[in-house]
């Protein structure tokens, strides 16, 4: 399942973010999670993007809310899918797997397209 930092204050207000991995539909997914309070914000980098695309925005928001950045299948440190499925519905399933595993029921989704 998910590997987490053992720090007891990992979700304290202004808490430093930590890297973790969880099992997604097509392999291991890498994410960065930190902060607390408010409605959580989930960031999705663009195709071929990594956590670094949203790092500054997430760090700013983590002062008073939880912010999660997800690297989708085959991006950054997430595993590539063995079946080669990079379809948008497959990547939506990655996001669903992350928010389900983190028990995040309501959130703001932020993403962008490089097209």
N, C-alpha and C. Protein backbone atom coordinates (compact mmCIF):
# COMPACT_ATOMS: atom_id res chain seq x y z
N UNK A 1 0.83 -1.18 0.00
CA UNK A 1 0.00 0.00 0.00
C UNK A 1 0.87 1.24 0.00
N UNK A 2 0.66 2.12 0.95
CA UNK A 2 1.32 3.42 0.90
C UNK A 2 2.46 3.48 1.91
N UNK A 3 3.59 3.99 1.48
CA UNK A 3 4.70 4.24 2.38
C UNK A 3 4.63 5.69 2.81
N UNK A 4 4.69 5.94 4.08
CA UNK A 4 4.56 7.30 4.61
C UNK A 4 5.71 7.61 5.54
N UNK A 5 5.92 8.86 5.71
CA UNK A 5 6.85 9.34 6.71
C UNK A 5 6.28 8.99 8.07
N UNK A 6 7.14 8.72 9.03
CA UNK A 6 6.64 8.36 10.35
C UNK A 6 6.40 9.57 11.24
N UNK A 7 6.63 10.75 10.74
CA UNK A 7 6.45 11.96 11.53
C UNK A 7 5.01 12.13 11.97
N UNK A 8 4.80 12.38 13.26
CA UNK A 8 3.44 12.54 13.77
C UNK A 8 2.85 13.89 13.39
N UNK A 9 3.67 14.84 12.97
CA UNK A 9 3.13 16.15 12.61
C UNK A 9 3.07 16.35 11.10
N UNK A 10 3.02 15.26 10.33
CA UNK A 10 3.06 15.38 8.88
C UNK A 10 1.93 16.20 8.30
N UNK A 11 0.79 16.32 8.99
CA UNK A 11 -0.32 17.10 8.47
C UNK A 11 -0.61 18.32 9.34
N UNK A 12 0.34 18.71 10.18
CA UNK A 12 0.16 19.90 10.99
C UNK A 12 0.16 21.13 10.07
N UNK A 13 -0.50 22.17 10.51
CA UNK A 13 -0.55 23.39 9.72
C UNK A 13 0.87 23.84 9.40
N UNK A 14 1.10 24.09 8.12
CA UNK A 14 2.42 24.51 7.68
C UNK A 14 3.45 23.38 7.64
N UNK A 15 2.98 22.13 7.83
CA UNK A 15 3.91 21.01 7.86
C UNK A 15 4.62 20.87 6.52
N UNK A 16 5.88 20.49 6.60
CA UNK A 16 6.66 20.25 5.40
C UNK A 16 6.08 19.04 4.67
N UNK A 17 6.07 19.12 3.37
CA UNK A 17 5.55 18.03 2.56
C UNK A 17 6.50 16.85 2.59
N UNK A 18 5.97 15.69 2.32
CA UNK A 18 6.79 14.49 2.23
C UNK A 18 6.42 13.70 0.98
N UNK A 19 7.40 12.99 0.47
CA UNK A 19 7.19 12.10 -0.66
C UNK A 19 6.65 10.78 -0.17
N UNK A 20 5.77 10.19 -0.96
CA UNK A 20 5.30 8.85 -0.66
C UNK A 20 4.89 8.17 -1.96
N UNK A 21 4.64 6.90 -1.86
CA UNK A 21 4.21 6.09 -2.99
C UNK A 21 2.99 5.30 -2.56
N UNK A 22 2.12 5.03 -3.51
CA UNK A 22 1.02 4.12 -3.24
C UNK A 22 0.75 3.29 -4.48
N UNK A 23 0.06 2.19 -4.27
CA UNK A 23 -0.23 1.29 -5.38
C UNK A 23 -1.39 1.85 -6.18
N UNK A 24 -1.13 2.12 -7.44
CA UNK A 24 -2.16 2.61 -8.35
C UNK A 24 -2.66 1.48 -9.23
N UNK A 25 -3.59 1.77 -10.12
CA UNK A 25 -4.15 0.74 -10.99
C UNK A 25 -3.13 0.08 -11.93
N UNK A 26 -2.04 0.80 -12.24
CA UNK A 26 -1.06 0.27 -13.20
C UNK A 26 0.35 0.21 -12.63
N UNK A 27 0.48 0.34 -11.32
CA UNK A 27 1.81 0.32 -10.71
C UNK A 27 1.90 1.36 -9.61
N UNK A 28 3.10 1.57 -9.14
CA UNK A 28 3.35 2.49 -8.04
C UNK A 28 3.24 3.93 -8.50
N UNK A 29 2.51 4.74 -7.72
CA UNK A 29 2.35 6.18 -8.02
C UNK A 29 3.12 6.99 -6.99
N UNK A 30 3.83 7.99 -7.46
CA UNK A 30 4.59 8.88 -6.58
C UNK A 30 3.76 10.13 -6.32
N UNK A 31 3.79 10.61 -5.09
CA UNK A 31 3.10 11.84 -4.76
C UNK A 31 3.84 12.58 -3.66
N UNK A 32 3.48 13.84 -3.53
CA UNK A 32 3.98 14.67 -2.45
C UNK A 32 2.78 15.23 -1.73
N UNK A 33 2.77 15.13 -0.41
CA UNK A 33 1.61 15.47 0.39
C UNK A 33 2.06 16.27 1.60
N UNK A 34 1.35 17.34 1.92
CA UNK A 34 1.70 18.11 3.10
C UNK A 34 0.70 19.20 3.38
N UNK A 35 0.81 19.80 4.56
CA UNK A 35 -0.09 20.85 4.97
C UNK A 35 -1.37 20.28 5.55
N UNK A 36 -2.22 21.16 6.07
CA UNK A 36 -3.50 20.75 6.65
C UNK A 36 -4.44 21.94 6.68
N UNK A 37 -5.72 21.63 6.82
CA UNK A 37 -6.72 22.68 6.92
C UNK A 37 -7.35 22.97 5.58
N UNK A 38 -8.51 23.58 5.61
CA UNK A 38 -9.21 23.96 4.39
C UNK A 38 -9.54 22.77 3.52
N UNK A 39 -10.10 23.03 2.38
CA UNK A 39 -10.40 22.01 1.40
C UNK A 39 -9.09 21.63 0.71
N UNK A 40 -8.70 20.35 0.71
CA UNK A 40 -7.43 19.97 0.09
C UNK A 40 -7.40 20.31 -1.40
N UNK A 41 -6.20 20.58 -1.89
CA UNK A 41 -5.98 20.85 -3.31
C UNK A 41 -5.12 19.72 -3.86
N UNK A 42 -5.59 19.11 -4.95
CA UNK A 42 -4.85 18.04 -5.62
C UNK A 42 -4.35 18.61 -6.95
N UNK A 43 -3.03 18.60 -7.13
CA UNK A 43 -2.40 19.11 -8.34
C UNK A 43 -2.01 17.95 -9.25
N UNK A 44 -2.29 18.11 -10.54
CA UNK A 44 -1.90 17.13 -11.55
C UNK A 44 -0.99 17.83 -12.56
N UNK A 45 0.29 17.42 -12.64
CA UNK A 45 1.16 18.01 -13.65
C UNK A 45 0.68 17.67 -15.06
N UNK A 46 1.16 18.41 -16.03
CA UNK A 46 0.79 18.16 -17.43
C UNK A 46 1.39 16.85 -17.91
N UNK A 47 0.98 16.42 -19.10
CA UNK A 47 1.58 15.23 -19.68
C UNK A 47 3.08 15.45 -19.81
N UNK A 48 3.86 14.47 -19.41
CA UNK A 48 5.32 14.52 -19.35
C UNK A 48 5.82 15.41 -18.22
N UNK A 49 4.91 15.87 -17.34
CA UNK A 49 5.30 16.74 -16.24
C UNK A 49 5.61 15.98 -14.97
N UNK A 50 6.16 16.71 -14.01
CA UNK A 50 6.51 16.13 -12.71
C UNK A 50 6.03 17.03 -11.59
N UNK A 51 6.27 16.62 -10.39
CA UNK A 51 5.90 17.39 -9.19
C UNK A 51 6.46 18.81 -9.26
N UNK A 52 7.62 18.98 -9.85
CA UNK A 52 8.27 20.29 -9.88
C UNK A 52 7.40 21.37 -10.52
N UNK A 53 6.50 21.00 -11.44
CA UNK A 53 5.64 22.00 -12.09
C UNK A 53 4.77 22.75 -11.09
N UNK A 54 4.34 22.10 -10.05
CA UNK A 54 3.41 22.70 -9.09
C UNK A 54 4.04 22.96 -7.73
N UNK A 55 5.34 22.76 -7.61
CA UNK A 55 6.00 22.85 -6.31
C UNK A 55 5.78 24.20 -5.61
N UNK A 56 5.98 25.29 -6.29
CA UNK A 56 5.85 26.61 -5.66
C UNK A 56 4.43 26.87 -5.20
N UNK A 57 3.45 26.51 -6.04
CA UNK A 57 2.05 26.75 -5.68
C UNK A 57 1.65 25.88 -4.48
N UNK A 58 2.05 24.63 -4.49
CA UNK A 58 1.71 23.73 -3.39
C UNK A 58 2.37 24.21 -2.09
N UNK A 59 3.63 24.59 -2.15
CA UNK A 59 4.33 25.08 -0.95
C UNK A 59 3.62 26.30 -0.38
N UNK A 60 3.16 27.19 -1.24
CA UNK A 60 2.45 28.38 -0.78
C UNK A 60 1.13 27.99 -0.09
N UNK A 61 0.39 27.11 -0.69
CA UNK A 61 -0.90 26.71 -0.12
C UNK A 61 -0.76 25.93 1.18
N UNK A 62 0.33 25.21 1.34
CA UNK A 62 0.50 24.36 2.52
C UNK A 62 0.64 25.15 3.81
N UNK A 63 0.72 26.44 3.72
CA UNK A 63 0.75 27.27 4.94
C UNK A 63 -0.56 27.14 5.71
N UNK A 64 -1.67 26.92 4.98
CA UNK A 64 -2.96 26.85 5.67
C UNK A 64 -3.93 25.81 5.10
N UNK A 65 -3.43 24.94 4.23
CA UNK A 65 -4.29 23.86 3.73
C UNK A 65 -3.42 22.71 3.23
N UNK A 66 -4.06 21.58 3.08
CA UNK A 66 -3.37 20.40 2.56
C UNK A 66 -3.25 20.51 1.04
N UNK A 67 -2.09 20.18 0.51
CA UNK A 67 -1.87 20.18 -0.93
C UNK A 67 -1.15 18.88 -1.30
N UNK A 68 -1.65 18.24 -2.34
CA UNK A 68 -1.13 16.96 -2.80
C UNK A 68 -0.77 17.11 -4.28
N UNK A 69 0.42 16.68 -4.65
CA UNK A 69 0.81 16.68 -6.06
C UNK A 69 1.00 15.21 -6.45
N UNK A 70 0.34 14.81 -7.53
CA UNK A 70 0.37 13.42 -7.98
C UNK A 70 1.13 13.31 -9.30
N UNK A 71 2.09 12.43 -9.36
CA UNK A 71 2.74 12.12 -10.63
C UNK A 71 2.01 10.91 -11.22
N UNK A 72 1.39 11.12 -12.36
CA UNK A 72 0.61 10.08 -13.00
C UNK A 72 1.51 8.98 -13.56
N UNK A 73 0.91 7.88 -13.94
CA UNK A 73 1.64 6.73 -14.48
C UNK A 73 2.67 7.14 -15.54
N UNK A 74 3.89 6.62 -15.36
CA UNK A 74 4.95 6.89 -16.32
C UNK A 74 5.53 8.29 -16.28
N UNK A 75 5.15 9.08 -15.29
CA UNK A 75 5.65 10.45 -15.16
C UNK A 75 6.47 10.55 -13.88
N UNK A 76 7.56 11.31 -13.93
CA UNK A 76 8.38 11.49 -12.74
C UNK A 76 8.86 10.16 -12.20
N UNK A 77 8.56 9.90 -10.92
CA UNK A 77 9.00 8.66 -10.28
C UNK A 77 7.90 7.61 -10.20
N UNK A 78 6.78 7.82 -10.90
CA UNK A 78 5.71 6.82 -10.93
C UNK A 78 6.04 5.77 -11.98
N UNK A 79 5.61 4.54 -11.72
CA UNK A 79 5.86 3.43 -12.64
C UNK A 79 5.12 3.63 -13.96
N UNK A 80 5.74 3.22 -15.06
CA UNK A 80 5.01 3.21 -16.34
C UNK A 80 4.04 2.02 -16.35
N UNK A 81 2.92 2.15 -17.04
CA UNK A 81 1.99 1.02 -17.10
C UNK A 81 2.54 -0.08 -18.02
N UNK A 82 2.48 -1.31 -17.58
CA UNK A 82 3.00 -2.41 -18.40
C UNK A 82 2.18 -2.60 -19.67
N UNK A 83 0.90 -2.22 -19.63
CA UNK A 83 0.05 -2.38 -20.82
C UNK A 83 0.14 -1.18 -21.76
N UNK A 84 0.93 -0.16 -21.39
CA UNK A 84 1.10 1.01 -22.24
C UNK A 84 -0.09 1.94 -22.28
N UNK A 85 -1.03 1.80 -21.34
CA UNK A 85 -2.25 2.61 -21.34
C UNK A 85 -1.99 3.97 -20.68
N UNK A 86 -1.88 4.98 -21.53
CA UNK A 86 -1.72 6.36 -21.07
C UNK A 86 -2.96 7.19 -21.42
N UNK A 87 -4.09 6.54 -21.55
CA UNK A 87 -5.32 7.25 -21.91
C UNK A 87 -5.75 8.15 -20.76
N UNK A 88 -6.52 9.17 -21.09
CA UNK A 88 -7.02 10.07 -20.05
C UNK A 88 -7.89 9.33 -19.02
N UNK A 89 -8.78 8.41 -19.44
CA UNK A 89 -9.53 7.66 -18.42
C UNK A 89 -8.62 6.85 -17.49
N UNK A 90 -7.55 6.28 -18.03
CA UNK A 90 -6.62 5.51 -17.19
C UNK A 90 -5.94 6.43 -16.17
N UNK A 91 -5.54 7.62 -16.62
CA UNK A 91 -4.89 8.55 -15.70
C UNK A 91 -5.88 9.12 -14.68
N UNK A 92 -7.14 9.25 -15.08
CA UNK A 92 -8.18 9.65 -14.11
C UNK A 92 -8.30 8.59 -13.03
N UNK A 93 -8.14 7.32 -13.40
CA UNK A 93 -8.17 6.24 -12.41
C UNK A 93 -6.99 6.35 -11.44
N UNK A 94 -5.86 6.86 -11.91
CA UNK A 94 -4.71 7.10 -11.03
C UNK A 94 -5.08 8.12 -9.95
N UNK A 95 -5.70 9.21 -10.37
CA UNK A 95 -6.10 10.25 -9.42
C UNK A 95 -7.10 9.68 -8.41
N UNK A 96 -8.07 8.92 -8.90
CA UNK A 96 -9.05 8.30 -8.02
C UNK A 96 -8.38 7.38 -7.00
N UNK A 97 -7.39 6.61 -7.45
CA UNK A 97 -6.68 5.72 -6.53
C UNK A 97 -5.97 6.50 -5.43
N UNK A 98 -5.38 7.63 -5.77
CA UNK A 98 -4.66 8.44 -4.79
C UNK A 98 -5.63 9.04 -3.77
N UNK A 99 -6.67 9.70 -4.23
CA UNK A 99 -7.59 10.35 -3.27
C UNK A 99 -8.32 9.32 -2.43
N UNK A 100 -8.61 8.15 -3.00
CA UNK A 100 -9.25 7.09 -2.23
C UNK A 100 -8.32 6.57 -1.14
N UNK A 101 -7.07 6.30 -1.51
CA UNK A 101 -6.09 5.80 -0.53
C UNK A 101 -5.82 6.81 0.57
N UNK A 102 -5.86 8.09 0.24
CA UNK A 102 -5.62 9.14 1.24
C UNK A 102 -6.89 9.56 1.98
N UNK A 103 -8.01 8.94 1.64
CA UNK A 103 -9.31 9.24 2.26
C UNK A 103 -9.69 10.71 2.09
N UNK A 104 -9.40 11.26 0.92
CA UNK A 104 -9.77 12.63 0.58
C UNK A 104 -11.06 12.56 -0.23
N UNK A 105 -12.16 12.94 0.40
CA UNK A 105 -13.47 12.81 -0.26
C UNK A 105 -13.83 14.02 -1.10
N UNK A 106 -13.50 15.21 -0.63
CA UNK A 106 -13.76 16.45 -1.37
C UNK A 106 -12.44 17.18 -1.53
N UNK A 107 -12.25 17.75 -2.72
CA UNK A 107 -10.99 18.44 -2.97
C UNK A 107 -11.14 19.35 -4.18
N UNK A 108 -10.21 20.25 -4.31
CA UNK A 108 -10.08 21.10 -5.49
C UNK A 108 -9.05 20.44 -6.38
N UNK A 109 -9.40 20.23 -7.64
CA UNK A 109 -8.48 19.62 -8.60
C UNK A 109 -7.88 20.70 -9.48
N UNK A 110 -6.55 20.75 -9.56
CA UNK A 110 -5.85 21.74 -10.36
C UNK A 110 -4.94 21.01 -11.34
N UNK A 111 -5.06 21.38 -12.60
CA UNK A 111 -4.20 20.79 -13.61
C UNK A 111 -4.04 21.76 -14.76
N UNK A 112 -3.22 21.39 -15.72
CA UNK A 112 -3.10 22.22 -16.92
C UNK A 112 -2.70 21.35 -18.08
N UNK A 113 -2.90 21.87 -19.25
CA UNK A 113 -2.59 21.14 -20.47
C UNK A 113 -1.55 21.96 -21.23
N UNK A 114 -0.56 21.29 -21.74
CA UNK A 114 0.48 21.97 -22.49
C UNK A 114 0.15 22.18 -23.95
N UNK A 115 -1.06 21.86 -24.35
CA UNK A 115 -1.45 21.99 -25.77
C UNK A 115 -1.81 23.41 -26.08
